[in-house]
Amino acid sequence: MKLSKHQQIFTTNIARLIVFANTQDIELTFGEAFRTEYQQVEHVRQGRSKTMNSNHLRGLAVDFNPFLDGKLTYKREDVEVLGEYWELLDKSNRWGGNFTSFYDPCHFEMNI
């Protein structure tokens, strides 16, 4: 399958995730989506990312800022419902809250 087809599936699933978050009274704003190679180098240098093989470089990852009761939250218990839903949408979807090397609860990606 072409990258563009994966990106279309990813985009549709992101729309579903946003709608689902609203049903859970979790408000989302965008953090980051597509990154250039330069931006990724800076993230790695600053310790904000562990890899140069990020799905952000392929347009297959997005970071959200989740708000619960108007307050920004990164607590697992507040956002885990989003991660569970995300991973049910497609077998290739991964939630950063389940990463073993780096807890990243605001990260949603399609890993192809």
Protein backbone atom coordinates (compact mmCIF):
# COMPACT_ATOMS: atom_id res chain seq x y z
CA MET A 1 0.00 0.00 0.00
CA LYS A 2 1.28 3.48 -0.84
CA LEU A 3 2.22 5.91 1.91
CA SER A 4 -0.54 8.28 0.80
CA LYS A 5 -3.16 5.58 1.41
CA HIS A 6 -1.80 4.96 4.93
CA GLN A 7 -1.92 8.72 5.52
CA GLN A 8 -5.57 8.83 4.42
CA ILE A 9 -6.48 6.01 6.81
CA PHE A 10 -4.50 7.72 9.58
CA THR A 11 -6.28 11.04 8.98
CA THR A 12 -9.71 9.40 9.10
CA ASN A 13 -8.80 7.63 12.33
CA ILE A 14 -7.57 10.89 13.85
CA ALA A 15 -10.97 12.43 13.06
CA ARG A 16 -12.65 9.50 14.81
CA LEU A 17 -10.36 9.92 17.82
CA ILE A 18 -11.21 13.62 18.11
CA VAL A 19 -14.95 12.88 18.03
CA PHE A 20 -14.49 10.09 20.58
CA ALA A 21 -12.48 12.39 22.88
CA ASN A 22 -15.37 14.87 22.82
CA THR A 23 -17.78 12.14 23.92
CA GLN A 24 -15.46 11.51 26.88
CA ASP A 25 -15.40 15.22 27.80
CA ILE A 26 -11.73 15.42 26.86
CA GLU A 27 -10.94 18.48 24.78
CA LEU A 28 -8.00 18.25 22.40
CA THR A 29 -5.78 20.83 20.79
CA PHE A 30 -3.02 20.00 18.35
CA GLY A 31 0.56 19.81 19.55
CA GLU A 32 2.51 18.57 16.55
CA ALA A 33 1.80 16.55 13.46
CA PHE A 34 4.19 16.52 10.52
CA ARG A 35 7.85 17.26 11.32
CA THR A 36 10.75 18.07 9.06
CA GLU A 37 14.01 16.18 9.48
CA TYR A 38 15.53 19.32 11.02
CA GLN A 39 12.74 19.50 13.60
CA GLN A 40 13.22 15.82 14.43
CA VAL A 41 16.97 16.31 14.92
CA GLU A 42 16.17 19.09 17.40
CA HIS A 43 13.66 16.91 19.26
CA VAL A 44 16.26 14.16 19.63
CA ARG A 45 18.94 16.65 20.68
CA GLN A 46 16.63 18.12 23.32
CA GLY A 47 15.56 14.68 24.58
CA ARG A 48 11.96 15.16 23.45
CA SER A 49 12.27 12.17 21.11
CA LYS A 50 14.38 9.03 21.18
CA THR A 51 14.60 8.31 17.44
CA MET A 52 15.18 9.70 13.98
CA ASN A 53 12.72 7.09 12.73
CA SER A 54 9.66 9.01 13.91
CA ASN A 55 6.32 8.53 12.19
CA HIS A 56 5.93 12.32 12.37
CA LEU A 57 8.40 12.45 9.45
CA ARG A 58 5.99 10.37 7.33
CA GLY A 59 2.80 12.22 8.29
CA LEU A 60 1.64 9.25 10.36
CA ALA A 61 1.79 10.67 13.88
CA VAL A 62 0.20 13.48 15.84
CA ASP A 63 0.62 14.82 19.35
CA PHE A 64 -2.40 16.29 21.10
CA ASN A 65 -2.77 18.47 24.17
CA PRO A 66 -5.60 16.89 26.20
CA PHE A 67 -7.71 19.01 28.53
CA LEU A 68 -9.97 17.62 31.22
CA ASP A 69 -12.21 20.10 33.02
CA GLY A 70 -10.31 22.88 31.26
CA LYS A 71 -6.92 21.76 32.60
CA LEU A 72 -4.07 20.28 30.57
CA THR A 73 -3.40 16.71 31.68
CA TYR A 74 -0.88 14.02 30.86
CA LYS A 75 -2.00 11.60 33.57
CA ARG A 76 -2.47 8.03 32.37
CA GLU A 77 -5.78 7.69 34.16
CA ASP A 78 -7.12 10.76 32.35
CA VAL A 79 -6.07 9.88 28.80
CA GLU A 80 -5.80 6.09 28.73
CA VAL A 81 -9.33 5.79 27.34
CA LEU A 82 -8.10 7.63 24.23
CA GLY A 83 -5.13 5.31 23.82
CA GLU A 84 -7.31 2.22 24.14
CA TYR A 85 -9.77 3.55 21.58
CA TRP A 86 -6.96 4.56 19.21
CA GLU A 87 -5.42 1.11 19.22
CA LEU A 88 -8.82 -0.49 18.52
CA LEU A 89 -9.32 1.60 15.36
CA ASP A 90 -6.53 -0.10 13.37
CA LYS A 91 -4.07 -2.90 14.05
CA SER A 92 -1.22 -0.56 13.01
CA ASN A 93 -2.16 2.18 15.49
CA ARG A 94 0.07 2.69 18.51
CA TRP A 95 -0.44 4.96 21.50
CA GLY A 96 2.60 6.58 23.10
CA GLY A 97 1.25 5.86 26.57
CA ASN A 98 2.07 2.21 25.93
CA PHE A 99 5.63 2.75 24.72
CA THR A 100 8.06 0.76 26.85
CA SER A 101 11.04 3.09 26.49
CA PHE A 102 9.33 6.50 26.64
CA TYR A 103 5.99 7.51 28.19
CA ASP A 104 4.33 9.77 25.63
CA PRO A 105 0.57 9.84 26.40
CA CYS A 106 -0.21 12.57 23.88
CA HIS A 107 1.28 10.68 20.92
CA PHE A 108 -0.90 8.77 18.45
CA GLU A 109 0.65 7.07 15.41
CA MET A 110 0.17 4.55 12.68
CA ASN A 111 3.21 2.31 12.53
CA ILE A 112 3.65 0.76 9.09
